[in-house]
Amino acid sequence: MNENITKRNTLLAEQVIKGLASRNMTGYFAKDKEEALQIALSQIPEGSTVTMGGAMSAHEIGLVQALKEGNYHFIDRDQEADKRAAMLAAYDADVFLSSVNAMTEDGVLVNIDGNANRVSAIAQGPKKVLFIVSMNKICADVDAAMKRARNVAAPINAQRFGLTTPCSKTGKCFNCKSPDTICCQFLITRYSKHEGRIHVILVDDVLGF
């Protein structure tokens, strides 16, 4: 990472972490993927039941592999015959892993979902929610975060899943009602009712979408 970008990201991360604290959420700053992995594992006691939404960032820092190889009960919905049961298990998990589609400089989290299993688990259920968030997802405000979620994250995910939405063909949101749309549920997390539940690891790298 360029030294000037790292300096900027370090200062921005301090601002974001203060914003998270004001919203009853806890933030951390990792200088690279390796440090992000160590912080994440420090927040997940051995023996914990862990599951996740579609968080590419958790894969990219090596967290999913570490959980599969370690002393954890990791529920991988993609490997389960009954995917519905695997998704429902998330609501009683010790730790739920996720990323964000975007977040604001003052700590508001923005997520879009198709099936709603991810956003519903973020909102309520798991004892702890652990976000892995790269600094490229930080936006000035909620309006900018929503635009990023709809015009950057959603089109890339639609293309990744091979969906026939307008955004998968054009790269931008058309506010469609396509049967393939993944923009069914919008979740804005501006405050955590339960202290110690939501933790956000900011990573000085480009991860996810």
N, C-alpha and C. Protein backbone atom coordinates (compact mmCIF):
# COMPACT_ATOMS: atom_id res chain seq x y z
N MET A 1 0.85 -1.19 0.00
CA MET A 1 0.00 0.00 0.00
C MET A 1 0.89 1.24 0.00
N ASN A 2 0.57 2.21 -0.84
CA ASN A 2 1.30 3.47 -0.91
C ASN A 2 1.35 4.15 0.45
N GLU A 3 2.53 4.70 0.80
CA GLU A 3 2.73 5.30 2.12
C GLU A 3 1.75 6.43 2.39
N ASN A 4 1.49 7.26 1.37
CA ASN A 4 0.57 8.38 1.55
C ASN A 4 -0.87 7.90 1.75
N ILE A 5 -1.23 6.84 1.03
CA ILE A 5 -2.57 6.27 1.20
C ILE A 5 -2.72 5.68 2.59
N THR A 6 -1.67 4.98 3.06
CA THR A 6 -1.70 4.39 4.39
C THR A 6 -1.87 5.47 5.46
N LYS A 7 -1.15 6.59 5.31
CA LYS A 7 -1.28 7.68 6.28
C LYS A 7 -2.70 8.22 6.29
N ARG A 8 -3.24 8.42 5.11
CA ARG A 8 -4.63 8.91 5.00
C ARG A 8 -5.59 7.92 5.62
N ASN A 9 -5.42 6.62 5.33
CA ASN A 9 -6.32 5.60 5.85
C ASN A 9 -6.22 5.47 7.36
N THR A 10 -5.03 5.64 7.90
CA THR A 10 -4.85 5.58 9.35
C THR A 10 -5.63 6.68 10.04
N LEU A 11 -5.55 7.88 9.50
CA LEU A 11 -6.28 9.02 10.07
C LEU A 11 -7.79 8.84 9.91
N LEU A 12 -8.20 8.35 8.74
CA LEU A 12 -9.63 8.12 8.50
C LEU A 12 -10.14 7.03 9.43
N ALA A 13 -9.36 5.98 9.62
CA ALA A 13 -9.78 4.89 10.50
C ALA A 13 -10.01 5.39 11.93
N GLU A 14 -9.17 6.29 12.38
CA GLU A 14 -9.35 6.86 13.73
C GLU A 14 -10.71 7.55 13.83
N GLN A 15 -11.08 8.27 12.78
CA GLN A 15 -12.37 8.95 12.75
C GLN A 15 -13.52 7.95 12.75
N VAL A 16 -13.38 6.92 11.93
CA VAL A 16 -14.44 5.89 11.84
C VAL A 16 -14.60 5.17 13.18
N ILE A 17 -13.49 4.83 13.82
CA ILE A 17 -13.54 4.11 15.10
C ILE A 17 -14.22 4.96 16.18
N LYS A 18 -13.96 6.27 16.17
CA LYS A 18 -14.65 7.17 17.11
C LYS A 18 -16.15 7.18 16.82
N GLY A 19 -16.50 7.19 15.54
CA GLY A 19 -17.91 7.15 15.17
C GLY A 19 -18.57 5.87 15.61
N LEU A 20 -17.89 4.76 15.44
CA LEU A 20 -18.43 3.47 15.89
C LEU A 20 -18.65 3.47 17.40
N ALA A 21 -17.68 3.99 18.14
CA ALA A 21 -17.81 4.03 19.60
C ALA A 21 -19.03 4.84 20.03
N SER A 22 -19.29 5.93 19.32
CA SER A 22 -20.45 6.76 19.65
C SER A 22 -21.76 6.04 19.35
N ARG A 23 -21.67 4.96 18.59
CA ARG A 23 -22.85 4.17 18.20
C ARG A 23 -22.89 2.83 18.91
N ASN A 24 -22.13 2.72 20.00
CA ASN A 24 -22.10 1.50 20.83
C ASN A 24 -21.55 0.30 20.08
N MET A 25 -20.62 0.57 19.14
CA MET A 25 -19.94 -0.47 18.40
C MET A 25 -18.43 -0.30 18.59
N THR A 26 -17.68 -1.38 18.39
CA THR A 26 -16.25 -1.36 18.62
C THR A 26 -15.50 -1.49 17.31
N GLY A 27 -14.50 -0.62 17.11
CA GLY A 27 -13.71 -0.65 15.89
C GLY A 27 -12.24 -0.93 16.15
N TYR A 28 -11.59 -1.51 15.16
CA TYR A 28 -10.16 -1.81 15.21
C TYR A 28 -9.56 -1.42 13.86
N PHE A 29 -8.27 -1.15 13.83
CA PHE A 29 -7.61 -0.86 12.56
C PHE A 29 -6.44 -1.80 12.37
N ALA A 30 -6.44 -2.51 11.25
CA ALA A 30 -5.37 -3.44 10.91
C ALA A 30 -4.58 -2.90 9.73
N LYS A 31 -3.27 -2.93 9.84
CA LYS A 31 -2.42 -2.36 8.79
C LYS A 31 -2.33 -3.27 7.56
N ASP A 32 -2.71 -4.55 7.72
CA ASP A 32 -2.68 -5.46 6.58
C ASP A 32 -3.58 -6.66 6.88
N LYS A 33 -3.67 -7.59 5.92
CA LYS A 33 -4.53 -8.76 6.07
C LYS A 33 -4.11 -9.64 7.24
N GLU A 34 -2.80 -9.78 7.42
CA GLU A 34 -2.30 -10.64 8.49
C GLU A 34 -2.72 -10.13 9.86
N GLU A 35 -2.61 -8.81 10.06
CA GLU A 35 -3.03 -8.23 11.34
C GLU A 35 -4.54 -8.33 11.51
N ALA A 36 -5.27 -8.16 10.42
CA ALA A 36 -6.73 -8.29 10.47
C ALA A 36 -7.12 -9.69 10.92
N LEU A 37 -6.41 -10.69 10.42
CA LEU A 37 -6.68 -12.08 10.81
C LEU A 37 -6.44 -12.29 12.29
N GLN A 38 -5.36 -11.75 12.80
CA GLN A 38 -5.04 -11.93 14.22
C GLN A 38 -6.07 -11.23 15.12
N ILE A 39 -6.50 -10.03 14.72
CA ILE A 39 -7.53 -9.33 15.49
C ILE A 39 -8.83 -10.12 15.48
N ALA A 40 -9.18 -10.63 14.30
CA ALA A 40 -10.43 -11.40 14.18
C ALA A 40 -10.41 -12.63 15.07
N LEU A 41 -9.32 -13.38 15.05
CA LEU A 41 -9.22 -14.59 15.87
C LEU A 41 -9.23 -14.26 17.35
N SER A 42 -8.71 -13.09 17.71
CA SER A 42 -8.73 -12.70 19.12
C SER A 42 -10.14 -12.44 19.62
N GLN A 43 -11.06 -12.20 18.70
CA GLN A 43 -12.46 -11.93 19.04
C GLN A 43 -13.34 -13.18 18.98
N ILE A 44 -12.74 -14.31 18.60
CA ILE A 44 -13.52 -15.55 18.45
C ILE A 44 -12.91 -16.62 19.36
N PRO A 45 -13.47 -16.85 20.54
CA PRO A 45 -12.93 -17.87 21.44
C PRO A 45 -12.98 -19.26 20.81
N GLU A 46 -11.99 -20.07 21.10
CA GLU A 46 -12.01 -21.45 20.61
C GLU A 46 -13.25 -22.16 21.12
N GLY A 47 -13.80 -23.02 20.29
CA GLY A 47 -15.03 -23.73 20.62
C GLY A 47 -16.28 -23.00 20.21
N SER A 48 -16.14 -21.76 19.72
CA SER A 48 -17.31 -20.98 19.31
C SER A 48 -17.98 -21.57 18.07
N THR A 49 -19.29 -21.40 18.03
CA THR A 49 -20.04 -21.69 16.80
C THR A 49 -20.00 -20.44 15.94
N VAL A 50 -19.48 -20.59 14.72
CA VAL A 50 -19.28 -19.44 13.84
C VAL A 50 -19.92 -19.72 12.49
N THR A 51 -20.60 -18.72 11.95
CA THR A 51 -21.14 -18.82 10.60
C THR A 51 -21.03 -17.46 9.95
N MET A 52 -21.53 -17.34 8.74
CA MET A 52 -21.30 -16.10 8.02
C MET A 52 -22.31 -15.87 6.91
N GLY A 53 -22.35 -14.62 6.44
CA GLY A 53 -23.05 -14.29 5.22
C GLY A 53 -22.05 -14.43 4.08
N GLY A 54 -22.32 -13.79 2.97
CA GLY A 54 -21.40 -13.91 1.84
C GLY A 54 -20.26 -12.92 1.93
N ALA A 55 -19.39 -13.09 2.91
CA ALA A 55 -18.32 -12.13 3.18
C ALA A 55 -17.03 -12.57 2.49
N MET A 56 -16.77 -12.05 1.30
CA MET A 56 -15.53 -12.37 0.60
C MET A 56 -14.32 -11.90 1.39
N SER A 57 -14.46 -10.80 2.11
CA SER A 57 -13.34 -10.24 2.86
C SER A 57 -12.83 -11.22 3.92
N ALA A 58 -13.74 -11.98 4.53
CA ALA A 58 -13.33 -12.97 5.54
C ALA A 58 -12.48 -14.06 4.90
N HIS A 59 -12.81 -14.42 3.66
CA HIS A 59 -11.99 -15.39 2.93
C HIS A 59 -10.62 -14.79 2.60
N GLU A 60 -10.63 -13.54 2.16
CA GLU A 60 -9.41 -12.92 1.65
C GLU A 60 -8.34 -12.70 2.72
N ILE A 61 -8.74 -12.51 3.98
CA ILE A 61 -7.74 -12.35 5.03
C ILE A 61 -7.33 -13.70 5.64
N GLY A 62 -7.94 -14.78 5.15
CA GLY A 62 -7.59 -16.11 5.64
C GLY A 62 -8.38 -16.56 6.84
N LEU A 63 -9.41 -15.82 7.20
CA LEU A 63 -10.17 -16.14 8.41
C LEU A 63 -10.99 -17.42 8.26
N VAL A 64 -11.64 -17.60 7.14
CA VAL A 64 -12.46 -18.79 6.95
C VAL A 64 -11.60 -20.05 7.01
N GLN A 65 -10.48 -20.03 6.36
CA GLN A 65 -9.58 -21.19 6.39
C GLN A 65 -9.10 -21.47 7.81
N ALA A 66 -8.75 -20.41 8.55
CA ALA A 66 -8.27 -20.58 9.93
C ALA A 66 -9.36 -21.18 10.82
N LEU A 67 -10.59 -20.80 10.61
CA LEU A 67 -11.70 -21.33 11.41
C LEU A 67 -11.95 -22.80 11.07
N LYS A 68 -11.86 -23.13 9.79
CA LYS A 68 -12.06 -24.52 9.38
C LYS A 68 -10.97 -25.43 9.93
N GLU A 69 -9.76 -24.90 10.02
CA GLU A 69 -8.63 -25.71 10.48
C GLU A 69 -8.45 -25.68 12.00
N GLY A 70 -9.10 -24.73 12.66
CA GLY A 70 -8.92 -24.57 14.10
C GLY A 70 -10.00 -25.25 14.92
N ASN A 71 -9.96 -24.97 16.22
CA ASN A 71 -10.90 -25.57 17.18
C ASN A 71 -12.17 -24.73 17.28
N TYR A 72 -12.93 -24.74 16.19
CA TYR A 72 -14.17 -23.97 16.12
C TYR A 72 -15.24 -24.83 15.46
N HIS A 73 -16.49 -24.51 15.73
CA HIS A 73 -17.60 -25.15 15.03
C HIS A 73 -18.04 -24.19 13.93
N PHE A 74 -17.44 -24.33 12.76
CA PHE A 74 -17.73 -23.42 11.66
C PHE A 74 -18.79 -24.03 10.76
N ILE A 75 -19.91 -23.32 10.62
CA ILE A 75 -21.01 -23.78 9.77
C ILE A 75 -20.87 -23.13 8.40
N ASP A 76 -20.52 -23.93 7.42
CA ASP A 76 -20.34 -23.44 6.05
C ASP A 76 -21.59 -23.80 5.26
N ARG A 77 -22.43 -22.82 5.03
CA ARG A 77 -23.71 -23.11 4.37
C ARG A 77 -23.52 -23.68 2.97
N ASP A 78 -22.41 -23.30 2.31
CA ASP A 78 -22.18 -23.79 0.96
C ASP A 78 -21.83 -25.28 0.93
N GLN A 79 -21.44 -25.80 2.10
CA GLN A 79 -21.09 -27.22 2.18
C GLN A 79 -22.19 -28.06 2.83
N GLU A 80 -23.26 -27.41 3.25
CA GLU A 80 -24.34 -28.12 3.93
C GLU A 80 -25.40 -28.56 2.93
N ALA A 81 -25.93 -29.77 3.11
CA ALA A 81 -26.99 -30.27 2.23
C ALA A 81 -28.26 -29.45 2.41
N ASP A 82 -28.55 -29.08 3.67
CA ASP A 82 -29.74 -28.28 3.97
C ASP A 82 -29.30 -26.84 4.22
N LYS A 83 -29.28 -26.05 3.15
CA LYS A 83 -28.78 -24.67 3.26
C LYS A 83 -29.70 -23.81 4.12
N ARG A 84 -30.99 -24.08 4.08
CA ARG A 84 -31.92 -23.31 4.91
C ARG A 84 -31.61 -23.53 6.39
N ALA A 85 -31.38 -24.77 6.78
CA ALA A 85 -31.04 -25.06 8.18
C ALA A 85 -29.74 -24.38 8.57
N ALA A 86 -28.79 -24.37 7.64
CA ALA A 86 -27.50 -23.73 7.92
C ALA A 86 -27.67 -22.23 8.11
N MET A 87 -28.53 -21.61 7.31
CA MET A 87 -28.76 -20.17 7.45
C MET A 87 -29.51 -19.86 8.74
N LEU A 88 -30.47 -20.71 9.11
CA LEU A 88 -31.21 -20.49 10.35
C LEU A 88 -30.31 -20.66 11.58
N ALA A 89 -29.30 -21.51 11.46
CA ALA A 89 -28.38 -21.72 12.57
C ALA A 89 -27.61 -20.45 12.91
N ALA A 90 -27.53 -19.54 11.96
CA ALA A 90 -26.81 -18.29 12.20
C ALA A 90 -27.41 -17.48 13.34
N TYR A 91 -28.72 -17.59 13.53
CA TYR A 91 -29.38 -16.75 14.53
C TYR A 91 -29.04 -17.15 15.96
N ASP A 92 -28.50 -18.35 16.13
CA ASP A 92 -28.10 -18.78 17.47
C ASP A 92 -26.60 -18.98 17.57
N ALA A 93 -25.86 -18.46 16.59
CA ALA A 93 -24.40 -18.62 16.58
C ALA A 93 -23.74 -17.71 17.61
N ASP A 94 -22.55 -18.12 18.02
CA ASP A 94 -21.76 -17.26 18.91
C ASP A 94 -21.23 -16.06 18.15
N VAL A 95 -20.79 -16.31 16.91
CA VAL A 95 -20.20 -15.25 16.10
C VAL A 95 -20.70 -15.36 14.66
N PHE A 96 -21.13 -14.23 14.12
CA PHE A 96 -21.55 -14.15 12.72
C PHE A 96 -20.56 -13.24 12.00
N LEU A 97 -19.99 -13.72 10.90
CA LEU A 97 -19.03 -12.95 10.12
C LEU A 97 -19.72 -12.27 8.95
N SER A 98 -19.30 -11.05 8.70
CA SER A 98 -19.86 -10.32 7.56
C SER A 98 -18.88 -9.26 7.11
N SER A 99 -19.21 -8.61 6.02
CA SER A 99 -18.55 -7.39 5.63
C SER A 99 -19.67 -6.37 5.45
N VAL A 100 -19.39 -5.26 4.82
CA VAL A 100 -20.42 -4.29 4.50
C VAL A 100 -20.35 -3.99 3.01
N ASN A 101 -21.46 -3.51 2.47
CA ASN A 101 -21.41 -3.01 1.11
C ASN A 101 -20.83 -1.60 1.09
N ALA A 102 -21.00 -0.91 2.20
CA ALA A 102 -20.42 0.42 2.37
C ALA A 102 -20.62 0.84 3.82
N MET A 103 -19.83 1.82 4.27
CA MET A 103 -20.07 2.41 5.58
C MET A 103 -19.60 3.86 5.56
N THR A 104 -20.08 4.63 6.51
CA THR A 104 -19.79 6.05 6.52
C THR A 104 -18.60 6.38 7.42
N GLU A 105 -18.08 7.57 7.23
CA GLU A 105 -16.94 8.02 8.02
C GLU A 105 -17.27 8.14 9.50
N ASP A 106 -18.56 8.26 9.83
CA ASP A 106 -18.94 8.34 11.24
C ASP A 106 -19.58 7.05 11.75
N GLY A 107 -19.32 5.94 11.05
CA GLY A 107 -19.63 4.63 11.62
C GLY A 107 -20.96 4.00 11.33
N VAL A 108 -21.70 4.47 10.33
CA VAL A 108 -22.96 3.85 9.94
C VAL A 108 -22.68 2.75 8.92
N LEU A 109 -23.27 1.57 9.13
CA LEU A 109 -23.05 0.42 8.24
C LEU A 109 -24.22 0.29 7.27
N VAL A 110 -23.92 0.05 6.01
CA VAL A 110 -24.95 -0.07 4.98
C VAL A 110 -24.80 -1.41 4.26
N ASN A 111 -25.90 -2.17 4.22
CA ASN A 111 -25.88 -3.48 3.57
C ASN A 111 -27.14 -3.70 2.76
N ILE A 112 -26.97 -4.37 1.62
CA ILE A 112 -28.07 -4.77 0.76
C ILE A 112 -28.07 -6.29 0.67
N ASP A 113 -29.26 -6.90 0.61
CA ASP A 113 -29.33 -8.36 0.59
C ASP A 113 -30.47 -8.82 -0.29
N GLY A 114 -30.32 -10.01 -0.83
CA GLY A 114 -31.37 -10.60 -1.64
C GLY A 114 -32.27 -11.50 -0.83
N ASN A 115 -31.69 -12.53 -0.20
CA ASN A 115 -32.48 -13.46 0.61
C ASN A 115 -32.73 -12.96 2.02
N ALA A 116 -31.98 -11.96 2.45
CA ALA A 116 -32.13 -11.32 3.77
C ALA A 116 -31.54 -12.13 4.92
N ASN A 117 -30.93 -13.29 4.63
CA ASN A 117 -30.33 -14.04 5.74
C ASN A 117 -29.18 -13.26 6.37
N ARG A 118 -28.42 -12.54 5.55
CA ARG A 118 -27.27 -11.79 6.07
C ARG A 118 -27.72 -10.58 6.88
N VAL A 119 -28.60 -9.75 6.29
CA VAL A 119 -28.98 -8.53 7.00
C VAL A 119 -29.82 -8.83 8.24
N SER A 120 -30.60 -9.91 8.19
CA SER A 120 -31.41 -10.24 9.36
C SER A 120 -30.54 -10.72 10.51
N ALA A 121 -29.45 -11.46 10.20
CA ALA A 121 -28.55 -11.91 11.25
C ALA A 121 -27.73 -10.76 11.81
N ILE A 122 -27.40 -9.79 10.95
CA ILE A 122 -26.72 -8.59 11.44
C ILE A 122 -27.61 -7.85 12.43
N ALA A 123 -28.88 -7.75 12.11
CA ALA A 123 -29.81 -6.97 12.92
C ALA A 123 -30.13 -7.63 14.25
N GLN A 124 -30.24 -8.98 14.26
CA GLN A 124 -30.69 -9.64 15.49
C GLN A 124 -30.40 -11.12 15.45
N GLY A 125 -29.98 -11.67 16.58
CA GLY A 125 -29.77 -13.11 16.66
C GLY A 125 -28.42 -13.50 17.21
N PRO A 126 -27.37 -13.54 16.36
CA PRO A 126 -26.06 -13.98 16.84
C PRO A 126 -25.55 -13.14 18.01
N LYS A 127 -24.80 -13.79 18.90
CA LYS A 127 -24.31 -13.08 20.08
C LYS A 127 -23.32 -11.98 19.71
N LYS A 128 -22.51 -12.22 18.69
CA LYS A 128 -21.52 -11.25 18.24
C LYS A 128 -21.52 -11.21 16.73
N VAL A 129 -21.40 -10.00 16.18
CA VAL A 129 -21.26 -9.83 14.73
C VAL A 129 -19.91 -9.18 14.47
N LEU A 130 -19.09 -9.83 13.65
CA LEU A 130 -17.74 -9.37 13.37
C LEU A 130 -17.63 -9.00 11.90
N PHE A 131 -17.41 -7.73 11.64
CA PHE A 131 -17.29 -7.22 10.27
C PHE A 131 -15.82 -7.08 9.88
N ILE A 132 -15.50 -7.49 8.65
CA ILE A 132 -14.19 -7.25 8.06
C ILE A 132 -14.41 -6.23 6.95
N VAL A 133 -13.85 -5.03 7.10
CA VAL A 133 -14.18 -3.93 6.19
C VAL A 133 -12.89 -3.27 5.68
N SER A 134 -12.69 -3.29 4.39
CA SER A 134 -11.53 -2.60 3.81
C SER A 134 -11.82 -1.11 3.68
N MET A 135 -10.76 -0.33 3.70
CA MET A 135 -10.91 1.12 3.74
C MET A 135 -11.52 1.70 2.46
N ASN A 136 -11.48 0.95 1.36
CA ASN A 136 -12.08 1.44 0.12
C ASN A 136 -13.61 1.49 0.20
N LYS A 137 -14.19 0.92 1.24
CA LYS A 137 -15.65 0.93 1.39
C LYS A 137 -16.17 2.10 2.23
N ILE A 138 -15.25 2.93 2.73
CA ILE A 138 -15.66 4.06 3.57
C ILE A 138 -16.13 5.21 2.69
N CYS A 139 -17.31 5.75 3.00
CA CYS A 139 -17.92 6.83 2.23
C CYS A 139 -18.21 8.02 3.14
N ALA A 140 -18.42 9.16 2.53
CA ALA A 140 -18.59 10.39 3.30
C ALA A 140 -19.83 10.37 4.19
N ASP A 141 -20.95 9.86 3.66
CA ASP A 141 -22.21 9.90 4.41
C ASP A 141 -23.11 8.75 3.94
N VAL A 142 -24.31 8.68 4.50
CA VAL A 142 -25.22 7.58 4.17
C VAL A 142 -25.63 7.62 2.70
N ASP A 143 -25.85 8.80 2.17
CA ASP A 143 -26.24 8.90 0.76
C ASP A 143 -25.14 8.33 -0.14
N ALA A 144 -23.90 8.70 0.14
CA ALA A 144 -22.78 8.19 -0.66
C ALA A 144 -22.61 6.69 -0.45
N ALA A 145 -22.85 6.22 0.77
CA ALA A 145 -22.73 4.78 1.07
C ALA A 145 -23.81 3.99 0.32
N MET A 146 -25.02 4.52 0.27
CA MET A 146 -26.08 3.85 -0.47
C MET A 146 -25.76 3.80 -1.97
N LYS A 147 -25.20 4.87 -2.48
CA LYS A 147 -24.83 4.90 -3.90
C LYS A 147 -23.75 3.87 -4.18
N ARG A 148 -22.78 3.75 -3.27
CA ARG A 148 -21.74 2.74 -3.46
C ARG A 148 -22.33 1.33 -3.42
N ALA A 149 -23.19 1.09 -2.45
CA ALA A 149 -23.79 -0.23 -2.30
C ALA A 149 -24.57 -0.62 -3.55
N ARG A 150 -25.29 0.33 -4.12
CA ARG A 150 -26.17 0.03 -5.25
C ARG A 150 -25.44 0.04 -6.59
N ASN A 151 -24.42 0.87 -6.72
CA ASN A 151 -23.78 1.05 -8.02
C ASN A 151 -22.39 0.42 -8.14
N VAL A 152 -21.85 -0.05 -7.04
CA VAL A 152 -20.55 -0.73 -7.07
C VAL A 152 -20.71 -2.18 -6.60
N ALA A 153 -21.13 -2.35 -5.34
CA ALA A 153 -21.20 -3.69 -4.76
C ALA A 153 -22.26 -4.57 -5.43
N ALA A 154 -23.47 -4.04 -5.59
CA ALA A 154 -24.56 -4.85 -6.14
C ALA A 154 -24.28 -5.32 -7.57
N PRO A 155 -23.87 -4.43 -8.50
CA PRO A 155 -23.59 -4.91 -9.86
C PRO A 155 -22.49 -5.98 -9.90
N ILE A 156 -21.43 -5.80 -9.11
CA ILE A 156 -20.35 -6.80 -9.11
C ILE A 156 -20.86 -8.14 -8.59
N ASN A 157 -21.66 -8.11 -7.53
CA ASN A 157 -22.22 -9.36 -7.00
C ASN A 157 -23.19 -10.01 -7.99
N ALA A 158 -23.98 -9.19 -8.67
CA ALA A 158 -24.90 -9.74 -9.67
C ALA A 158 -24.12 -10.41 -10.80
N GLN A 159 -23.02 -9.80 -11.21
CA GLN A 159 -22.18 -10.41 -12.25
C GLN A 159 -21.52 -11.68 -11.73
N ARG A 160 -21.09 -11.65 -10.47
CA ARG A 160 -20.42 -12.81 -9.87
C ARG A 160 -21.35 -14.02 -9.82
N PHE A 161 -22.63 -13.77 -9.56
CA PHE A 161 -23.60 -14.86 -9.46
C PHE A 161 -24.24 -15.21 -10.80
N GLY A 162 -23.86 -14.49 -11.86
CA GLY A 162 -24.40 -14.78 -13.18
C GLY A 162 -25.87 -14.41 -13.32
N LEU A 163 -26.30 -13.35 -12.67
CA LEU A 163 -27.70 -12.95 -12.69
C LEU A 163 -28.00 -12.07 -13.91
N THR A 164 -29.28 -12.05 -14.29
CA THR A 164 -29.68 -11.29 -15.48
C THR A 164 -30.36 -9.99 -15.11
N THR A 165 -29.78 -9.27 -14.20
CA THR A 165 -30.31 -7.96 -13.81
C THR A 165 -29.74 -6.88 -14.72
N PRO A 166 -30.42 -5.74 -14.84
CA PRO A 166 -29.86 -4.65 -15.64
C PRO A 166 -28.46 -4.23 -15.18
N CYS A 167 -28.25 -4.23 -13.86
CA CYS A 167 -26.94 -3.79 -13.35
C CYS A 167 -25.82 -4.74 -13.74
N SER A 168 -26.12 -6.03 -13.91
CA SER A 168 -25.08 -6.98 -14.30
C SER A 168 -24.61 -6.73 -15.73
N LYS A 169 -25.47 -6.09 -16.53
CA LYS A 169 -25.13 -5.82 -17.93
C LYS A 169 -24.53 -4.43 -18.12
N THR A 170 -24.91 -3.49 -17.24
CA THR A 170 -24.48 -2.10 -17.43
C THR A 170 -23.50 -1.62 -16.36
N GLY A 171 -23.48 -2.30 -15.22
CA GLY A 171 -22.58 -1.89 -14.13
C GLY A 171 -23.13 -0.80 -13.26
N LYS A 172 -24.42 -0.46 -13.41
CA LYS A 172 -25.00 0.55 -12.54
C LYS A 172 -26.45 0.19 -12.21
N CYS A 173 -26.94 0.74 -11.11
CA CYS A 173 -28.27 0.40 -10.62
C CYS A 173 -29.37 1.06 -11.47
N PHE A 174 -30.42 0.28 -11.75
CA PHE A 174 -31.60 0.79 -12.44
C PHE A 174 -32.83 0.74 -11.54
N ASN A 175 -32.60 0.48 -10.25
CA ASN A 175 -33.71 0.37 -9.30
C ASN A 175 -34.74 -0.63 -9.84
N CYS A 176 -34.25 -1.77 -10.32
CA CYS A 176 -35.10 -2.71 -11.04
C CYS A 176 -35.97 -3.56 -10.11
N LYS A 177 -36.92 -4.23 -10.72
CA LYS A 177 -37.75 -5.22 -10.04
C LYS A 177 -37.61 -6.57 -10.74
N SER A 178 -36.41 -6.81 -11.22
CA SER A 178 -36.12 -8.07 -11.89
C SER A 178 -36.29 -9.24 -10.92
N PRO A 179 -36.78 -10.39 -11.38
CA PRO A 179 -36.86 -11.56 -10.50
C PRO A 179 -35.49 -11.96 -9.94
N ASP A 180 -34.42 -11.56 -10.61
CA ASP A 180 -33.07 -11.88 -10.17
C ASP A 180 -32.47 -10.84 -9.23
N THR A 181 -33.20 -9.77 -8.94
CA THR A 181 -32.61 -8.69 -8.15
C THR A 181 -32.07 -9.19 -6.81
N ILE A 182 -30.94 -8.66 -6.41
CA ILE A 182 -30.39 -8.96 -5.09
C ILE A 182 -30.55 -7.76 -4.16
N CYS A 183 -31.23 -6.74 -4.65
CA CYS A 183 -31.47 -5.53 -3.83
C CYS A 183 -32.88 -5.58 -3.26
N CYS A 184 -33.14 -6.60 -2.44
CA CYS A 184 -34.47 -6.79 -1.86
C CYS A 184 -34.61 -6.14 -0.49
N GLN A 185 -33.56 -6.22 0.29
CA GLN A 185 -33.59 -5.69 1.65
C GLN A 185 -32.41 -4.74 1.84
N PHE A 186 -32.69 -3.58 2.43
CA PHE A 186 -31.65 -2.59 2.74
C PHE A 186 -31.57 -2.44 4.25
N LEU A 187 -30.38 -2.58 4.80
CA LEU A 187 -30.20 -2.45 6.24
C LEU A 187 -29.20 -1.34 6.53
N ILE A 188 -29.62 -0.34 7.29
CA ILE A 188 -28.73 0.72 7.76
C ILE A 188 -28.58 0.55 9.26
N THR A 189 -27.38 0.24 9.71
CA THR A 189 -27.12 0.02 11.12
C THR A 189 -26.45 1.27 11.68
N ARG A 190 -27.22 2.07 12.41
CA ARG A 190 -26.71 3.35 12.92
C ARG A 190 -26.38 3.30 14.41
N TYR A 191 -26.82 2.24 15.10
CA TYR A 191 -26.54 2.12 16.53
C TYR A 191 -26.75 0.67 16.95
N SER A 192 -25.93 0.20 17.87
CA SER A 192 -26.11 -1.15 18.40
C SER A 192 -26.77 -1.08 19.77
N LYS A 193 -27.91 -1.70 19.89
CA LYS A 193 -28.64 -1.69 21.15
C LYS A 193 -27.89 -2.45 22.24
N HIS A 194 -27.06 -3.42 21.83
CA HIS A 194 -26.40 -4.31 22.78
C HIS A 194 -24.90 -4.07 22.76
N GLU A 195 -24.38 -3.55 23.85
CA GLU A 195 -22.95 -3.25 23.95
C GLU A 195 -22.12 -4.51 23.78
N GLY A 196 -21.05 -4.42 23.01
CA GLY A 196 -20.15 -5.54 22.81
C GLY A 196 -20.59 -6.52 21.74
N ARG A 197 -21.70 -6.23 21.06
CA ARG A 197 -22.18 -7.18 20.04
C ARG A 197 -21.53 -6.96 18.68
N ILE A 198 -21.42 -5.71 18.25
CA ILE A 198 -20.92 -5.43 16.90
C ILE A 198 -19.47 -4.94 16.96
N HIS A 199 -18.61 -5.64 16.22
CA HIS A 199 -17.19 -5.31 16.13
C HIS A 199 -16.82 -5.14 14.66
N VAL A 200 -16.06 -4.10 14.35
CA VAL A 200 -15.69 -3.80 12.97
C VAL A 200 -14.17 -3.71 12.87
N ILE A 201 -13.58 -4.58 12.05
CA ILE A 201 -12.14 -4.53 11.80
C ILE A 201 -11.92 -3.82 10.47
N LEU A 202 -11.35 -2.63 10.53
CA LEU A 202 -11.01 -1.87 9.34
C LEU A 202 -9.63 -2.32 8.85
N VAL A 203 -9.51 -2.59 7.57
CA VAL A 203 -8.26 -3.14 7.03
C VAL A 203 -7.69 -2.20 5.98
N ASP A 204 -6.42 -1.88 6.13
CA ASP A 204 -5.75 -0.99 5.19
C ASP A 204 -5.36 -1.77 3.93
N ASP A 205 -6.39 -2.14 3.17
CA ASP A 205 -6.20 -2.92 1.96
C ASP A 205 -7.49 -2.83 1.16
N VAL A 206 -7.49 -3.38 -0.03
CA VAL A 206 -8.69 -3.43 -0.86
C VAL A 206 -9.20 -4.87 -0.82
N LEU A 207 -10.39 -5.05 -0.22
CA LEU A 207 -10.98 -6.38 -0.06
C LEU A 207 -12.42 -6.37 -0.56
N GLY A 208 -12.89 -7.53 -0.99
CA GLY A 208 -14.30 -7.65 -1.35
C GLY A 208 -14.67 -6.74 -2.51
N PHE A 209 -15.96 -6.32 -2.49
CA PHE A 209 -16.49 -5.54 -3.59
C PHE A 209 -17.13 -4.25 -3.09
